[in-house]
Structure formats: structure tokens, C-alpha cells
Amino acid sequence: LKNGKRNEAVTLSIRPMLDKIGGALSNGIVGFIALAAGMTGDATAADMTPTNIHVFKICAFYAPLILIVLSLVVFVSKVKITEKMHAQIVDELEAKLASGEIVDDEAQPVEAAEAAAAVGDETPAVKN
């Protein structure tokens, strides 16, 4: 919608990259929480002090809960898409597609074939 072009190869390559970045970040966060709570080396449950347990609870439960609620508040306050707005976006895209501002990748081969047929450019038959 922003630039009028859609490239499926780019779209489909972004998802695995985001999955890898998300996995790396989550592993880093879990590692940080384990270090902050004193779960290093050969530490066992008996080695956990009340302070370590408190740090673990804050980092693993309460901080993510606060961030989730904050993200929900931001989402609800910023994202305002309704059926009317969706219909307006679809109409805008259809108008751009009809005027030629947006090129439909799937329609290009058909248009090229029609243009070639109009000019009389036919491919020679393959001989066996």
C-alpha cells in the first residue's frame, strides 16, 4: 500500500529472518534471567536464595506481564481499523491497480503475451 509494489520473494524471506531474530532474542533474555537469578554453573534448587527467587519472579513473570499490558494499551490506542476503513483501503488499491499505478505481477505475463500477439511476434514451433 505504501509504495505500490509487492514482491513475494522479499515478503517470504522476511518471515524466516524474523523467526531467527525472535529466537535469538528469547534465548538471550532467558540466559539473562538465569544469570540474574543466580542459576549458573552447577546450581541446584537448594542453592536458590529468597532474593534469587524474587529476582526470577520479577524478570520472568512480572516484567513480561507489564510489557504485554503496555503493548495492548498501545495497540488499542493506535490501531483503528474498521470495516469502513478496510473497504476504503481496498477501493484505493483497486483504483491504483486499474489506473496502472500498481502493477499486478500475475497479470504481466498475460499482458506480455497479448502485446506479442498484437505485434505478430510468435515463437517458432519446436521441431522434434
C-alpha atoms as a PDB file:
ATOM      1  CA  LEU A   1       0.000   0.000   0.000  1.00  0.00           C
ATOM      2  CA  LYS A   2       2.813   2.418   0.801  1.00  0.00           C
ATOM      3  CA  ASN A   3       4.947   2.117  -2.345  1.00  0.00           C
ATOM      4  CA  GLY A   4       2.535   0.381  -4.720  1.00  0.00           C
ATOM      5  CA  LYS A   5       4.715  -2.666  -5.277  1.00  0.00           C
ATOM      6  CA  ARG A   6       4.655  -6.131  -3.749  1.00  0.00           C
ATOM      7  CA  ASN A   7       7.480  -8.584  -4.106  1.00  0.00           C
ATOM      8  CA  GLU A   8       6.585 -12.079  -2.900  1.00  0.00           C
ATOM      9  CA  ALA A   9      10.243 -13.136  -2.666  1.00  0.00           C
ATOM     10  CA  VAL A  10      11.003 -10.337  -0.224  1.00  0.00           C
ATOM     11  CA  THR A  11       7.805 -10.965   1.714  1.00  0.00           C
ATOM     12  CA  LEU A  12       8.528 -14.677   2.061  1.00  0.00           C
ATOM     13  CA  SER A  13      12.173 -14.150   3.029  1.00  0.00           C
ATOM     14  CA  ILE A  14      11.388 -11.725   5.855  1.00  0.00           C
ATOM     15  CA  ARG A  15       9.431 -14.267   7.915  1.00  0.00           C
ATOM     16  CA  PRO A  16      12.324 -16.737   8.487  1.00  0.00           C
ATOM     17  CA  MET A  17      14.617 -13.825   9.332  1.00  0.00           C
ATOM     18  CA  LEU A  18      12.157 -12.526  11.934  1.00  0.00           C
ATOM     19  CA  ASP A  19      11.783 -16.037  13.369  1.00  0.00           C
ATOM     20  CA  LYS A  20      15.561 -16.309  13.785  1.00  0.00           C
ATOM     21  CA  ILE A  21      15.851 -12.869  15.358  1.00  0.00           C
ATOM     22  CA  GLY A  22      12.984 -13.687  17.737  1.00  0.00           C
ATOM     23  CA  GLY A  23      14.600 -16.989  18.715  1.00  0.00           C
ATOM     24  CA  ALA A  24      17.939 -15.309  19.361  1.00  0.00           C
ATOM     25  CA  LEU A  25      16.333 -12.582  21.470  1.00  0.00           C
ATOM     26  CA  SER A  26      14.291 -15.055  23.518  1.00  0.00           C
ATOM     27  CA  ASN A  27      17.360 -17.198  24.214  1.00  0.00           C
ATOM     28  CA  GLY A  28      19.288 -14.094  25.241  1.00  0.00           C
ATOM     29  CA  ILE A  29      16.517 -13.000  27.594  1.00  0.00           C
ATOM     30  CA  VAL A  30      16.259 -16.448  29.192  1.00  0.00           C
ATOM     31  CA  GLY A  31      20.039 -16.503  29.634  1.00  0.00           C
ATOM     32  CA  PHE A  32      19.981 -13.057  31.259  1.00  0.00           C
ATOM     33  CA  ILE A  33      17.204 -14.109  33.647  1.00  0.00           C
ATOM     34  CA  ALA A  34      19.100 -17.274  34.590  1.00  0.00           C
ATOM     35  CA  LEU A  35      22.262 -15.280  35.311  1.00  0.00           C
ATOM     36  CA  ALA A  36      20.406 -12.582  37.242  1.00  0.00           C
ATOM     37  CA  ALA A  37      18.675 -15.212  39.397  1.00  0.00           C
ATOM     38  CA  GLY A  38      21.941 -16.991  40.171  1.00  0.00           C
ATOM     39  CA  MET A  39      21.231 -20.125  38.118  1.00  0.00           C
ATOM     40  CA  THR A  40      24.798 -20.603  36.949  1.00  0.00           C
ATOM     41  CA  GLY A  41      27.206 -23.487  36.821  1.00  0.00           C
ATOM     42  CA  ASP A  42      26.071 -26.456  38.855  1.00  0.00           C
ATOM     43  CA  ALA A  43      23.475 -24.539  40.921  1.00  0.00           C
ATOM     44  CA  THR A  44      20.535 -26.578  42.176  1.00  0.00           C
ATOM     45  CA  ALA A  45      17.132 -25.619  43.535  1.00  0.00           C
ATOM     46  CA  ALA A  46      18.563 -25.829  47.070  1.00  0.00           C
ATOM     47  CA  ASP A  47      21.121 -23.134  46.174  1.00  0.00           C
ATOM     48  CA  MET A  48      18.410 -20.589  45.331  1.00  0.00           C
ATOM     49  CA  THR A  49      18.083 -17.839  47.934  1.00  0.00           C
ATOM     50  CA  PRO A  50      14.853 -15.934  48.509  1.00  0.00           C
ATOM     51  CA  THR A  51      16.453 -12.954  46.761  1.00  0.00           C
ATOM     52  CA  ASN A  52      17.281 -15.080  43.701  1.00  0.00           C
ATOM     53  CA  ILE A  53      13.718 -16.419  43.592  1.00  0.00           C
ATOM     54  CA  HIS A  54      12.347 -12.879  43.857  1.00  0.00           C
ATOM     55  CA  VAL A  55      14.613 -11.695  41.000  1.00  0.00           C
ATOM     56  CA  PHE A  56      13.486 -14.665  38.909  1.00  0.00           C
ATOM     57  CA  LYS A  57       9.804 -13.917  39.516  1.00  0.00           C
ATOM     58  CA  ILE A  58      10.237 -10.245  38.613  1.00  0.00           C
ATOM     59  CA  CYS A  59      12.236 -10.933  35.433  1.00  0.00           C
ATOM     60  CA  ALA A  60      10.289 -13.969  34.220  1.00  0.00           C
ATOM     61  CA  PHE A  61       6.722 -13.094  35.203  1.00  0.00           C
ATOM     62  CA  TYR A  62       6.040  -9.516  36.259  1.00  0.00           C
ATOM     63  CA  ALA A  63       8.176  -7.593  33.742  1.00  0.00           C
ATOM     64  CA  PRO A  64       6.723  -9.507  30.746  1.00  0.00           C
ATOM     65  CA  LEU A  65       3.206  -9.039  32.158  1.00  0.00           C
ATOM     66  CA  ILE A  66       3.733  -5.276  32.375  1.00  0.00           C
ATOM     67  CA  LEU A  67       5.141  -5.190  28.832  1.00  0.00           C
ATOM     68  CA  ILE A  68       2.197  -7.210  27.479  1.00  0.00           C
ATOM     69  CA  VAL A  69      -0.333  -4.871  29.103  1.00  0.00           C
ATOM     70  CA  LEU A  70       1.588  -1.846  27.825  1.00  0.00           C
ATOM     71  CA  SER A  71       1.664  -3.243  24.287  1.00  0.00           C
ATOM     72  CA  LEU A  72      -2.084  -3.933  24.473  1.00  0.00           C
ATOM     73  CA  VAL A  73      -2.726  -0.318  25.515  1.00  0.00           C
ATOM     74  CA  VAL A  74      -0.569   0.995  22.650  1.00  0.00           C
ATOM     75  CA  PHE A  75      -2.249  -1.346  20.147  1.00  0.00           C
ATOM     76  CA  VAL A  76      -5.771  -0.416  21.220  1.00  0.00           C
ATOM     77  CA  SER A  77      -4.977   3.307  21.173  1.00  0.00           C
ATOM     78  CA  LYS A  78      -3.079   3.364  17.852  1.00  0.00           C
ATOM     79  CA  VAL A  79      -4.691   0.725  15.616  1.00  0.00           C
ATOM     80  CA  LYS A  80      -8.032   1.993  14.404  1.00  0.00           C
ATOM     81  CA  ILE A  81      -9.075  -0.224  11.510  1.00  0.00           C
ATOM     82  CA  THR A  82     -12.782  -0.661  10.954  1.00  0.00           C
ATOM     83  CA  GLU A  83     -14.859  -2.283   8.225  1.00  0.00           C
ATOM     84  CA  LYS A  84     -15.309   1.149   6.652  1.00  0.00           C
ATOM     85  CA  MET A  85     -11.553   1.842   6.680  1.00  0.00           C
ATOM     86  CA  HIS A  86     -10.837  -1.634   5.272  1.00  0.00           C
ATOM     87  CA  ALA A  87     -13.296  -1.030   2.435  1.00  0.00           C
ATOM     88  CA  GLN A  88     -11.649   2.348   1.757  1.00  0.00           C
ATOM     89  CA  ILE A  89      -8.187   0.722   1.557  1.00  0.00           C
ATOM     90  CA  VAL A  90      -9.486  -1.974  -0.815  1.00  0.00           C
ATOM     91  CA  ASP A  91     -11.144   0.671  -3.022  1.00  0.00           C
ATOM     92  CA  GLU A  92      -7.915   2.693  -3.086  1.00  0.00           C
ATOM     93  CA  LEU A  93      -5.881  -0.373  -4.092  1.00  0.00           C
ATOM     94  CA  GLU A  94      -8.389  -1.310  -6.802  1.00  0.00           C
ATOM     95  CA  ALA A  95      -8.280   2.248  -8.183  1.00  0.00           C
ATOM     96  CA  LYS A  96      -4.468   2.220  -8.253  1.00  0.00           C
ATOM     97  CA  LEU A  97      -4.469  -1.200  -9.922  1.00  0.00           C
ATOM     98  CA  ALA A  98      -6.967  -0.030 -12.547  1.00  0.00           C
ATOM     99  CA  SER A  99      -5.016   3.162 -13.281  1.00  0.00           C
ATOM    100  CA  GLY A 100      -1.724   1.284 -13.613  1.00  0.00           C
ATOM    101  CA  GLU A 101      -0.033   2.809 -10.561  1.00  0.00           C
ATOM    102  CA  ILE A 102       0.267  -0.699  -9.117  1.00  0.00           C
ATOM    103  CA  VAL A 103       1.449  -3.466 -11.393  1.00  0.00           C
ATOM    104  CA  ASP A 104      -0.116  -6.862 -10.834  1.00  0.00           C
ATOM    105  CA  ASP A 105       2.767  -9.346 -11.083  1.00  0.00           C
ATOM    106  CA  GLU A 106       0.421 -12.174 -12.054  1.00  0.00           C
ATOM    107  CA  ALA A 107      -1.081 -10.162 -14.918  1.00  0.00           C
ATOM    108  CA  GLN A 108       2.255  -9.231 -16.509  1.00  0.00           C
ATOM    109  CA  PRO A 109       2.844 -12.489 -18.419  1.00  0.00           C
ATOM    110  CA  VAL A 110      -0.658 -12.321 -19.884  1.00  0.00           C
ATOM    111  CA  GLU A 111      -0.189  -8.701 -20.926  1.00  0.00           C
ATOM    112  CA  ALA A 112       3.210  -9.526 -22.458  1.00  0.00           C
ATOM    113  CA  ALA A 113       1.678 -12.413 -24.400  1.00  0.00           C
ATOM    114  CA  GLU A 114      -1.166 -10.201 -25.621  1.00  0.00           C
ATOM    115  CA  ALA A 115       1.294  -7.491 -26.695  1.00  0.00           C
ATOM    116  CA  ALA A 116       3.453 -10.038 -28.515  1.00  0.00           C
ATOM    117  CA  ALA A 117       0.398 -11.446 -30.302  1.00  0.00           C
ATOM    118  CA  ALA A 118      -0.715  -7.966 -31.327  1.00  0.00           C
ATOM    119  CA  VAL A 119       2.670  -7.252 -32.889  1.00  0.00           C
ATOM    120  CA  GLY A 120       2.759 -10.626 -34.570  1.00  0.00           C
ATOM    121  CA  ASP A 121       5.742 -11.880 -32.613  1.00  0.00           C
ATOM    122  CA  GLU A 122       5.158 -15.612 -32.442  1.00  0.00           C
ATOM    123  CA  THR A 123       7.604 -18.118 -31.109  1.00  0.00           C
ATOM    124  CA  PRO A 124       8.711 -20.716 -33.649  1.00  0.00           C
ATOM    125  CA  ALA A 125       7.447 -24.240 -33.206  1.00  0.00           C
ATOM    126  CA  VAL A 126       9.856 -26.692 -31.656  1.00  0.00           C
ATOM    127  CA  LYS A 127      10.956 -29.380 -34.113  1.00  0.00           C
ATOM    128  CA  ASN A 128      11.386 -32.933 -32.874  1.00  0.00           C
END
